[in-house]
Amino acid sequence: MAAVLDDDQDPKEPVGWQPVWKRPRPLKSEAAKTVGLRRQRLRLRDAGRRSLDASQSRRPRSRQSRIGNAAGRRDARALSRVRRSYGWLK
């Protein structure tokens, strides 16, 4: 495995298996790039609409549940500070 991941390979040699992050990217034409970007734009726009719809459809939480959640967060924060203050637990 280490031999495969080495960078000292001669570029003229045929390349065997390579990890994904080292493979050269396939070339795209300008038309293919614009199509891909258009699809990405549509996908992101639809995701934004979905998230907006989801946030607007939520009913407001009661005051009691908000207070409980805030208290729980405070407790968790205090506990994490205590845990991190021990030198031998790091």
C-alpha atoms as a PDB file:
ATOM      1  CA  MET A   1       0.000   0.000   0.000  1.00  0.00           C
ATOM      2  CA  ALA A   2       2.826   2.393   0.824  1.00  0.00           C
ATOM      3  CA  ALA A   3       4.373   1.801  -2.598  1.00  0.00           C
ATOM      4  CA  VAL A   4       1.113   2.781  -4.266  1.00  0.00           C
ATOM      5  CA  LEU A   5       0.885   6.045  -2.335  1.00  0.00           C
ATOM      6  CA  ASP A   6       4.463   7.148  -3.078  1.00  0.00           C
ATOM      7  CA  ASP A   7       4.929  10.322  -5.104  1.00  0.00           C
ATOM      8  CA  ASP A   8       8.288   9.307  -6.576  1.00  0.00           C
ATOM      9  CA  GLN A   9       6.704   7.437  -9.473  1.00  0.00           C
ATOM     10  CA  ASP A  10       7.924   8.233 -12.974  1.00  0.00           C
ATOM     11  CA  PRO A  11       5.174  10.085 -14.883  1.00  0.00           C
ATOM     12  CA  LYS A  12       5.880   8.076 -18.047  1.00  0.00           C
ATOM     13  CA  GLU A  13       5.120   4.784 -16.335  1.00  0.00           C
ATOM     14  CA  PRO A  14       1.577   3.462 -16.594  1.00  0.00           C
ATOM     15  CA  VAL A  15      -0.271   4.361 -13.432  1.00  0.00           C
ATOM     16  CA  GLY A  16      -1.898   1.563 -11.491  1.00  0.00           C
ATOM     17  CA  TRP A  17      -4.503   2.007  -8.819  1.00  0.00           C
ATOM     18  CA  GLN A  18      -4.564   5.459  -7.260  1.00  0.00           C
ATOM     19  CA  PRO A  19      -6.612   6.833  -4.407  1.00  0.00           C
ATOM     20  CA  VAL A  20      -9.440   9.141  -5.393  1.00  0.00           C
ATOM     21  CA  TRP A  21      -7.722  12.291  -4.155  1.00  0.00           C
ATOM     22  CA  LYS A  22      -4.709  11.677  -6.389  1.00  0.00           C
ATOM     23  CA  ARG A  23      -6.532  10.884  -9.623  1.00  0.00           C
ATOM     24  CA  PRO A  24      -6.548  13.607 -12.251  1.00  0.00           C
ATOM     25  CA  ARG A  25      -9.947  15.179 -12.776  1.00  0.00           C
ATOM     26  CA  PRO A  26     -11.650  14.392 -16.063  1.00  0.00           C
ATOM     27  CA  LEU A  27     -11.777  17.387 -18.383  1.00  0.00           C
ATOM     28  CA  LYS A  28     -15.173  18.996 -18.979  1.00  0.00           C
ATOM     29  CA  SER A  29     -16.283  21.110 -21.882  1.00  0.00           C
ATOM     30  CA  GLU A  30     -17.626  24.601 -21.260  1.00  0.00           C
ATOM     31  CA  ALA A  31     -21.150  23.403 -22.044  1.00  0.00           C
ATOM     32  CA  ALA A  32     -20.855  20.579 -19.509  1.00  0.00           C
ATOM     33  CA  LYS A  33     -19.593  23.050 -16.884  1.00  0.00           C
ATOM     34  CA  THR A  34     -22.523  25.408 -17.411  1.00  0.00           C
ATOM     35  CA  VAL A  35     -25.005  22.517 -17.251  1.00  0.00           C
ATOM     36  CA  GLY A  36     -23.423  21.294 -14.027  1.00  0.00           C
ATOM     37  CA  LEU A  37     -23.473  24.764 -12.491  1.00  0.00           C
ATOM     38  CA  ARG A  38     -27.096  25.280 -13.508  1.00  0.00           C
ATOM     39  CA  ARG A  39     -28.055  21.984 -11.862  1.00  0.00           C
ATOM     40  CA  GLN A  40     -26.117  22.925  -8.740  1.00  0.00           C
ATOM     41  CA  ARG A  41     -27.848  26.309  -8.591  1.00  0.00           C
ATOM     42  CA  LEU A  42     -31.270  24.677  -8.914  1.00  0.00           C
ATOM     43  CA  ARG A  43     -30.396  22.100  -6.274  1.00  0.00           C
ATOM     44  CA  LEU A  44     -29.223  24.748  -3.813  1.00  0.00           C
ATOM     45  CA  ARG A  45     -32.224  26.971  -4.517  1.00  0.00           C
ATOM     46  CA  ASP A  46     -34.633  24.096  -3.877  1.00  0.00           C
ATOM     47  CA  ALA A  47     -32.785  23.201  -0.667  1.00  0.00           C
ATOM     48  CA  GLY A  48     -33.101  26.806   0.510  1.00  0.00           C
ATOM     49  CA  ARG A  49     -36.821  26.783  -0.216  1.00  0.00           C
ATOM     50  CA  ARG A  50     -37.252  23.524   1.656  1.00  0.00           C
ATOM     51  CA  SER A  51     -35.422  24.878   4.684  1.00  0.00           C
ATOM     52  CA  LEU A  52     -37.468  28.091   4.598  1.00  0.00           C
ATOM     53  CA  ASP A  53     -40.699  26.120   4.384  1.00  0.00           C
ATOM     54  CA  ALA A  54     -39.612  23.896   7.241  1.00  0.00           C
ATOM     55  CA  SER A  55     -38.696  26.824   9.475  1.00  0.00           C
ATOM     56  CA  GLN A  56     -41.918  28.694   8.767  1.00  0.00           C
ATOM     57  CA  SER A  57     -44.132  25.672   9.364  1.00  0.00           C
ATOM     58  CA  ARG A  58     -42.794  25.066  12.872  1.00  0.00           C
ATOM     59  CA  ARG A  59     -45.089  26.055  15.668  1.00  0.00           C
ATOM     60  CA  PRO A  60     -43.567  28.383  18.260  1.00  0.00           C
ATOM     61  CA  ARG A  61     -42.218  26.562  21.278  1.00  0.00           C
ATOM     62  CA  SER A  62     -43.687  27.182  24.668  1.00  0.00           C
ATOM     63  CA  ARG A  63     -41.798  29.358  27.114  1.00  0.00           C
ATOM     64  CA  GLN A  64     -41.348  26.473  29.513  1.00  0.00           C
ATOM     65  CA  SER A  65     -39.560  24.286  26.975  1.00  0.00           C
ATOM     66  CA  ARG A  66     -37.271  27.149  26.005  1.00  0.00           C
ATOM     67  CA  ILE A  67     -36.314  27.712  29.632  1.00  0.00           C
ATOM     68  CA  GLY A  68     -35.669  24.004  30.146  1.00  0.00           C
ATOM     69  CA  ASN A  69     -33.460  23.782  27.067  1.00  0.00           C
ATOM     70  CA  ALA A  70     -31.458  26.837  28.109  1.00  0.00           C
ATOM     71  CA  ALA A  71     -30.914  25.387  31.577  1.00  0.00           C
ATOM     72  CA  GLY A  72     -29.777  22.105  30.073  1.00  0.00           C
ATOM     73  CA  ARG A  73     -27.316  23.913  27.835  1.00  0.00           C
ATOM     74  CA  ARG A  74     -25.945  25.839  30.813  1.00  0.00           C
ATOM     75  CA  ASP A  75     -25.501  22.610  32.770  1.00  0.00           C
ATOM     76  CA  ALA A  76     -23.744  20.928  29.839  1.00  0.00           C
ATOM     77  CA  ARG A  77     -21.448  23.914  29.406  1.00  0.00           C
ATOM     78  CA  ALA A  78     -20.514  23.901  33.085  1.00  0.00           C
ATOM     79  CA  LEU A  79     -19.872  20.154  33.028  1.00  0.00           C
ATOM     80  CA  SER A  80     -17.623  20.412  29.983  1.00  0.00           C
ATOM     81  CA  ARG A  81     -15.629  23.174  31.672  1.00  0.00           C
ATOM     82  CA  VAL A  82     -15.172  20.994  34.744  1.00  0.00           C
ATOM     83  CA  ARG A  83     -14.108  18.033  32.611  1.00  0.00           C
ATOM     84  CA  ARG A  84     -11.563  20.096  30.703  1.00  0.00           C
ATOM     85  CA  SER A  85     -10.103  21.633  33.831  1.00  0.00           C
ATOM     86  CA  TYR A  86      -8.591  18.322  34.983  1.00  0.00           C
ATOM     87  CA  GLY A  87      -5.001  18.183  33.769  1.00  0.00           C
ATOM     88  CA  TRP A  88      -4.677  14.408  33.878  1.00  0.00           C
ATOM     89  CA  LEU A  89      -7.805  13.746  31.808  1.00  0.00           C
ATOM     90  CA  LYS A  90      -6.606  15.516  28.672  1.00  0.00           C
END
